[in-house]
C-alpha atoms as a PDB file:
ATOM      1  CA  MET A   1       5.012  17.697 -12.552  1.00  0.00           C
ATOM      2  CA  GLY A   2       4.933  16.250 -16.061  1.00  0.00           C
ATOM      3  CA  ASN A   3       8.617  16.741 -16.900  1.00  0.00           C
ATOM      4  CA  ILE A   4      10.632  14.377 -14.735  1.00  0.00           C
ATOM      5  CA  SER A   5      13.911  15.128 -16.517  1.00  0.00           C
ATOM      6  CA  LEU A   6      13.550  18.796 -15.562  1.00  0.00           C
ATOM      7  CA  VAL A   7      12.816  17.817 -11.959  1.00  0.00           C
ATOM      8  CA  GLU A   8      15.859  15.531 -11.905  1.00  0.00           C
ATOM      9  CA  LYS A   9      18.062  18.390 -13.174  1.00  0.00           C
ATOM     10  CA  LEU A  10      16.648  20.696 -10.514  1.00  0.00           C
ATOM     11  CA  LEU A  11      17.335  18.099  -7.808  1.00  0.00           C
ATOM     12  CA  GLU A  12      20.915  17.726  -9.073  1.00  0.00           C
ATOM     13  CA  ASP A  13      21.416  21.487  -8.910  1.00  0.00           C
ATOM     14  CA  MET A  14      19.922  21.629  -5.419  1.00  0.00           C
ATOM     15  CA  ASN A  15      22.235  18.825  -4.291  1.00  0.00           C
ATOM     16  CA  LYS A  16      25.293  20.696  -5.640  1.00  0.00           C
ATOM     17  CA  MET A  17      24.229  23.751  -3.646  1.00  0.00           C
ATOM     18  CA  GLY A  18      23.729  21.710  -0.468  1.00  0.00           C
ATOM     19  CA  CYS A  19      19.963  22.189  -0.532  1.00  0.00           C
ATOM     20  CA  PHE A  20      17.619  19.289  -0.033  1.00  0.00           C
ATOM     21  CA  PRO A  21      13.949  19.057  -0.952  1.00  0.00           C
ATOM     22  CA  ASP A  22      11.361  18.895   1.788  1.00  0.00           C
ATOM     23  CA  ILE A  23       9.193  15.811   2.291  1.00  0.00           C
ATOM     24  CA  TRP A  24       6.388  17.254   0.153  1.00  0.00           C
ATOM     25  CA  ALA A  25       8.692  17.739  -2.846  1.00  0.00           C
ATOM     26  CA  TYR A  26      10.141  14.248  -2.433  1.00  0.00           C
ATOM     27  CA  ASN A  27       6.643  12.755  -2.223  1.00  0.00           C
ATOM     28  CA  SER A  28       5.553  14.543  -5.391  1.00  0.00           C
ATOM     29  CA  TYR A  29       8.645  13.315  -7.214  1.00  0.00           C
ATOM     30  CA  LEU A  30       8.145   9.747  -5.974  1.00  0.00           C
ATOM     31  CA  ASP A  31       4.516   9.811  -7.076  1.00  0.00           C
ATOM     32  CA  SER A  32       5.570  10.836 -10.587  1.00  0.00           C
ATOM     33  CA  LEU A  33       8.235   8.135 -10.756  1.00  0.00           C
ATOM     34  CA  CYS A  34       5.756   5.493  -9.599  1.00  0.00           C
ATOM     35  CA  LYS A  35       3.152   6.616 -12.118  1.00  0.00           C
ATOM     36  CA  GLU A  36       5.768   6.185 -14.836  1.00  0.00           C
ATOM     37  CA  MET A  37       6.573   2.705 -13.447  1.00  0.00           C
ATOM     38  CA  ARG A  38      10.142   3.735 -12.619  1.00  0.00           C
ATOM     39  CA  LEU A  39      10.209   1.863  -9.323  1.00  0.00           C
ATOM     40  CA  ASP A  40      13.935   1.293  -9.139  1.00  0.00           C
ATOM     41  CA  ALA A  41      14.448   5.039  -9.485  1.00  0.00           C
ATOM     42  CA  ALA A  42      11.736   5.669  -6.865  1.00  0.00           C
ATOM     43  CA  LEU A  43      13.388   3.254  -4.436  1.00  0.00           C
ATOM     44  CA  GLY A  44      16.702   5.012  -5.042  1.00  0.00           C
ATOM     45  CA  VAL A  45      15.082   8.341  -4.173  1.00  0.00           C
ATOM     46  CA  TRP A  46      13.518   6.725  -1.097  1.00  0.00           C
ATOM     47  CA  ASP A  47      17.007   5.639   0.062  1.00  0.00           C
ATOM     48  CA  THR A  48      18.463   9.074  -0.752  1.00  0.00           C
ATOM     49  CA  MET A  49      15.779  10.757   1.319  1.00  0.00           C
ATOM     50  CA  LYS A  50      16.821   8.801   4.381  1.00  0.00           C
ATOM     51  CA  LYS A  51      20.517   9.521   3.785  1.00  0.00           C
ATOM     52  CA  LYS A  52      19.744  13.236   3.505  1.00  0.00           C
ATOM     53  CA  GLY A  53      17.762  13.250   6.748  1.00  0.00           C
ATOM     54  CA  ARG A  54      14.284  13.308   5.210  1.00  0.00           C
ATOM     55  CA  GLU A  55      12.613  10.368   6.887  1.00  0.00           C
ATOM     56  CA  PRO A  56       9.871   8.914   4.683  1.00  0.00           C
ATOM     57  CA  ASP A  57       6.397   9.552   6.033  1.00  0.00           C
ATOM     58  CA  VAL A  58       3.098   7.737   5.580  1.00  0.00           C
ATOM     59  CA  VAL A  59       2.500   9.427   2.209  1.00  0.00           C
ATOM     60  CA  THR A  60       5.955   8.399   1.009  1.00  0.00           C
ATOM     61  CA  ASN A  61       5.482   4.793   2.002  1.00  0.00           C
ATOM     62  CA  THR A  62       1.922   4.594   0.687  1.00  0.00           C
ATOM     63  CA  THR A  63       3.156   5.893  -2.668  1.00  0.00           C
ATOM     64  CA  ILE A  64       5.921   3.294  -2.766  1.00  0.00           C
ATOM     65  CA  PHE A  65       3.533   0.475  -1.715  1.00  0.00           C
ATOM     66  CA  ASN A  66       1.139   1.418  -4.512  1.00  0.00           C
ATOM     67  CA  GLY A  67       3.943   1.625  -7.033  1.00  0.00           C
ATOM     68  CA  LEU A  68       5.455  -1.723  -6.076  1.00  0.00           C
ATOM     69  CA  CYS A  69       2.093  -3.476  -6.191  1.00  0.00           C
ATOM     70  CA  ASN A  70       1.265  -1.914  -9.556  1.00  0.00           C
ATOM     71  CA  VAL A  71       4.376  -3.484 -11.063  1.00  0.00           C
ATOM     72  CA  ARG A  72       3.699  -6.741  -9.207  1.00  0.00           C
ATOM     73  CA  ARG A  73       6.728  -6.513  -6.892  1.00  0.00           C
ATOM     74  CA  PHE A  74       4.762  -7.814  -3.934  1.00  0.00           C
ATOM     75  CA  SER A  75       7.644  -9.294  -1.969  1.00  0.00           C
ATOM     76  CA  ASP A  76       9.467  -5.943  -2.167  1.00  0.00           C
ATOM     77  CA  ALA A  77       6.345  -4.153  -0.895  1.00  0.00           C
ATOM     78  CA  VAL A  78       5.937  -6.533   2.042  1.00  0.00           C
ATOM     79  CA  GLU A  79       9.668  -6.399   2.778  1.00  0.00           C
ATOM     80  CA  LEU A  80       9.523  -2.593   2.840  1.00  0.00           C
ATOM     81  CA  ARG A  81       6.591  -2.691   5.244  1.00  0.00           C
ATOM     82  CA  ASP A  82       8.422  -5.163   7.501  1.00  0.00           C
ATOM     83  CA  GLU A  83      11.508  -2.962   7.443  1.00  0.00           C
ATOM     84  CA  MET A  84       9.393   0.023   8.487  1.00  0.00           C
ATOM     85  CA  VAL A  85       7.908  -1.879  11.407  1.00  0.00           C
ATOM     86  CA  LYS A  86      11.341  -3.101  12.574  1.00  0.00           C
ATOM     87  CA  LYS A  87      12.541   0.493  12.653  1.00  0.00           C
ATOM     88  CA  GLY A  88       9.617   1.458  14.870  1.00  0.00           C
ATOM     89  CA  PHE A  89       7.567   3.199  12.196  1.00  0.00           C
ATOM     90  CA  LYS A  90       3.948   2.228  12.544  1.00  0.00           C
ATOM     91  CA  PRO A  91       2.244   2.302   9.158  1.00  0.00           C
ATOM     92  CA  ASP A  92      -1.158   3.868   9.563  1.00  0.00           C
ATOM     93  CA  GLY A  93      -4.417   2.526   8.200  1.00  0.00           C
ATOM     94  CA  VAL A  94      -3.965   4.319   4.872  1.00  0.00           C
ATOM     95  CA  ALA A  95      -0.536   2.812   4.218  1.00  0.00           C
ATOM     96  CA  CYS A  96      -1.754  -0.638   5.260  1.00  0.00           C
ATOM     97  CA  GLN A  97      -4.837  -0.243   3.122  1.00  0.00           C
ATOM     98  CA  ALA A  98      -2.712   0.636   0.065  1.00  0.00           C
ATOM     99  CA  LEU A  99      -0.619  -2.481   0.489  1.00  0.00           C
ATOM    100  CA  ILE A 100      -3.581  -4.772   1.201  1.00  0.00           C
ATOM    101  CA  PHE A 101      -5.511  -3.395  -1.794  1.00  0.00           C
ATOM    102  CA  GLY A 102      -2.515  -3.899  -4.044  1.00  0.00           C
ATOM    103  CA  LEU A 103      -2.024  -7.461  -2.877  1.00  0.00           C
ATOM    104  CA  CYS A 104      -5.705  -8.393  -3.154  1.00  0.00           C
ATOM    105  CA  ASN A 105      -6.081  -6.797  -6.574  1.00  0.00           C
ATOM    106  CA  HIS A 106      -3.252  -8.953  -7.875  1.00  0.00           C
ATOM    107  CA  GLY A 107      -4.308 -12.315  -6.468  1.00  0.00           C
ATOM    108  CA  LYS A 108      -2.316 -12.234  -3.232  1.00  0.00           C
ATOM    109  CA  ALA A 109      -5.187 -12.390  -0.723  1.00  0.00           C
ATOM    110  CA  GLU A 110      -3.380 -14.839   1.579  1.00  0.00           C
ATOM    111  CA  ILE A 111      -0.419 -12.489   1.985  1.00  0.00           C
ATOM    112  CA  ALA A 112      -2.825  -9.565   2.459  1.00  0.00           C
ATOM    113  CA  PHE A 113      -4.659 -11.482   5.184  1.00  0.00           C
ATOM    114  CA  GLU A 114      -1.399 -12.181   7.035  1.00  0.00           C
ATOM    115  CA  LEU A 115      -0.566  -8.514   6.767  1.00  0.00           C
ATOM    116  CA  MET A 116      -3.981  -7.551   8.150  1.00  0.00           C
ATOM    117  CA  MET A 117      -3.433  -9.805  11.141  1.00  0.00           C
ATOM    118  CA  GLY A 118      -0.155  -7.957  11.764  1.00  0.00           C
ATOM    119  CA  VAL A 119      -2.049  -4.675  11.499  1.00  0.00           C
ATOM    120  CA  ILE A 120      -4.482  -5.851  14.168  1.00  0.00           C
ATOM    121  CA  LYS A 121      -1.583  -6.902  16.421  1.00  0.00           C
ATOM    122  CA  ASN A 122      -0.223  -3.357  16.059  1.00  0.00           C
ATOM    123  CA  GLU A 123      -3.543  -2.108  17.404  1.00  0.00           C
ATOM    124  CA  ILE A 124      -4.738  -0.562  14.158  1.00  0.00           C
ATOM    125  CA  GLU A 125      -8.378  -1.355  13.543  1.00  0.00           C
ATOM    126  CA  PRO A 126      -8.853  -2.395   9.922  1.00  0.00           C
ATOM    127  CA  SER A 127     -11.360  -0.313   8.017  1.00  0.00           C
ATOM    128  CA  VAL A 128     -14.385  -1.735   6.258  1.00  0.00           C
ATOM    129  CA  SER A 129     -12.460  -1.027   3.023  1.00  0.00           C
ATOM    130  CA  ILE A 130      -9.674  -3.397   4.072  1.00  0.00           C
ATOM    131  CA  TYR A 131     -12.177  -6.100   4.923  1.00  0.00           C
ATOM    132  CA  ASN A 132     -13.952  -5.540   1.594  1.00  0.00           C
ATOM    133  CA  ALA A 133     -10.668  -5.868  -0.297  1.00  0.00           C
ATOM    134  CA  LEU A 134      -9.933  -9.150   1.484  1.00  0.00           C
ATOM    135  CA  ILE A 135     -13.410 -10.543   0.881  1.00  0.00           C
ATOM    136  CA  SER A 136     -13.171  -9.638  -2.793  1.00  0.00           C
ATOM    137  CA  GLY A 137      -9.634 -10.992  -3.023  1.00  0.00           C
ATOM    138  CA  PHE A 138     -10.616 -14.348  -1.576  1.00  0.00           C
ATOM    139  CA  TYR A 139     -13.652 -14.600  -3.859  1.00  0.00           C
ATOM    140  CA  ARG A 140     -11.450 -13.912  -6.890  1.00  0.00           C
ATOM    141  CA  ALA A 141      -9.016 -16.557  -5.670  1.00  0.00           C
ATOM    142  CA  GLY A 142     -11.884 -19.064  -5.451  1.00  0.00           C
ATOM    143  CA  SER A 143     -11.764 -19.241  -1.657  1.00  0.00           C
ATOM    144  CA  PHE A 144     -15.461 -18.830  -0.900  1.00  0.00           C
ATOM    145  CA  ASP A 145     -15.102 -20.118   2.674  1.00  0.00           C
ATOM    146  CA  LYS A 146     -12.311 -17.667   3.493  1.00  0.00           C
ATOM    147  CA  ALA A 147     -14.309 -14.768   2.077  1.00  0.00           C
ATOM    148  CA  GLN A 148     -17.218 -15.726   4.320  1.00  0.00           C
ATOM    149  CA  LYS A 149     -14.919 -16.066   7.333  1.00  0.00           C
ATOM    150  CA  ILE A 150     -13.482 -12.598   6.728  1.00  0.00           C
ATOM    151  CA  ASP A 151     -17.028 -11.222   6.641  1.00  0.00           C
ATOM    152  CA  SER A 152     -17.857 -12.959   9.944  1.00  0.00           C
ATOM    153  CA  PHE A 153     -14.546 -11.866  11.499  1.00  0.00           C
ATOM    154  CA  MET A 154     -15.235  -8.275  10.434  1.00  0.00           C
ATOM    155  CA  GLN A 155     -18.629  -8.268  12.100  1.00  0.00           C
ATOM    156  CA  LEU A 156     -17.351  -9.968  15.258  1.00  0.00           C
ATOM    157  CA  ASN A 157     -14.810  -7.157  15.564  1.00  0.00           C
ATOM    158  CA  GLY A 158     -17.537  -4.536  15.417  1.00  0.00           C
ATOM    159  CA  CYS A 159     -16.989  -3.429  11.831  1.00  0.00           C
ATOM    160  CA  LYS A 160     -20.314  -3.210  10.050  1.00  0.00           C
ATOM    161  CA  PRO A 161     -20.617  -4.211   6.399  1.00  0.00           C
ATOM    162  CA  ASN A 162     -21.443  -1.386   4.025  1.00  0.00           C
ATOM    163  CA  HIS A 163     -22.942  -1.236   0.548  1.00  0.00           C
ATOM    164  CA  VAL A 164     -19.588  -2.223  -0.988  1.00  0.00           C
ATOM    165  CA  THR A 165     -19.461  -5.333   1.195  1.00  0.00           C
ATOM    166  CA  HIS A 166     -22.909  -6.341  -0.006  1.00  0.00           C
ATOM    167  CA  ASN A 167     -22.001  -5.588  -3.626  1.00  0.00           C
ATOM    168  CA  VAL A 168     -18.893  -7.778  -3.377  1.00  0.00           C
ATOM    169  CA  HIS A 169     -21.053 -10.675  -2.160  1.00  0.00           C
ATOM    170  CA  LEU A 170     -23.721 -10.014  -4.782  1.00  0.00           C
ATOM    171  CA  ASN A 171     -21.165  -9.898  -7.598  1.00  0.00           C
ATOM    172  CA  TYR A 172     -19.719 -13.205  -6.493  1.00  0.00           C
ATOM    173  CA  TYR A 173     -23.121 -14.895  -6.226  1.00  0.00           C
ATOM    174  CA  CYS A 174     -24.362 -13.507  -9.541  1.00  0.00           C
ATOM    175  CA  ASN A 175     -21.229 -14.550 -11.403  1.00  0.00           C
ATOM    176  CA  ASN A 176     -20.597 -17.923  -9.762  1.00  0.00           C
ATOM    177  CA  CYS A 177     -23.813 -19.456  -8.540  1.00  0.00           C
END
């Protein structure tokens, strides 16, 4: 997209003509806004979409989750996810993964863990990537025991560790032991 001001002008013109972008166009626009760290504008577009009858999809919400976490607006990201669930929208594994990664990468492993437990209650099986993010997040937070418990919990639930899991453990041991 590159030129957001041109896109905004086009959207204005479309609105005047009674035309509304499809979900793909909205998602592309939101992605550009988030990449430019214009989250308030992105959230405004997200609200406008709903008012215009374009219900946000998994891509929309994943984009917003990533954007909010990148600017460290974690409570807004979690609140958005909770709002989605209350409205009956079940975030898929990709959307959950985006939020959990964002939280763990910014030192919010405890919140990410609570979110993962909610994911499990909604009958979505966490991926090995989600478990890896939590293990890494707890190590970075200095919670060695919790990282180990997540690893055990993962294996008890039938999710096998992969090379990333082992690398996360190795990095921790090499840097801290």
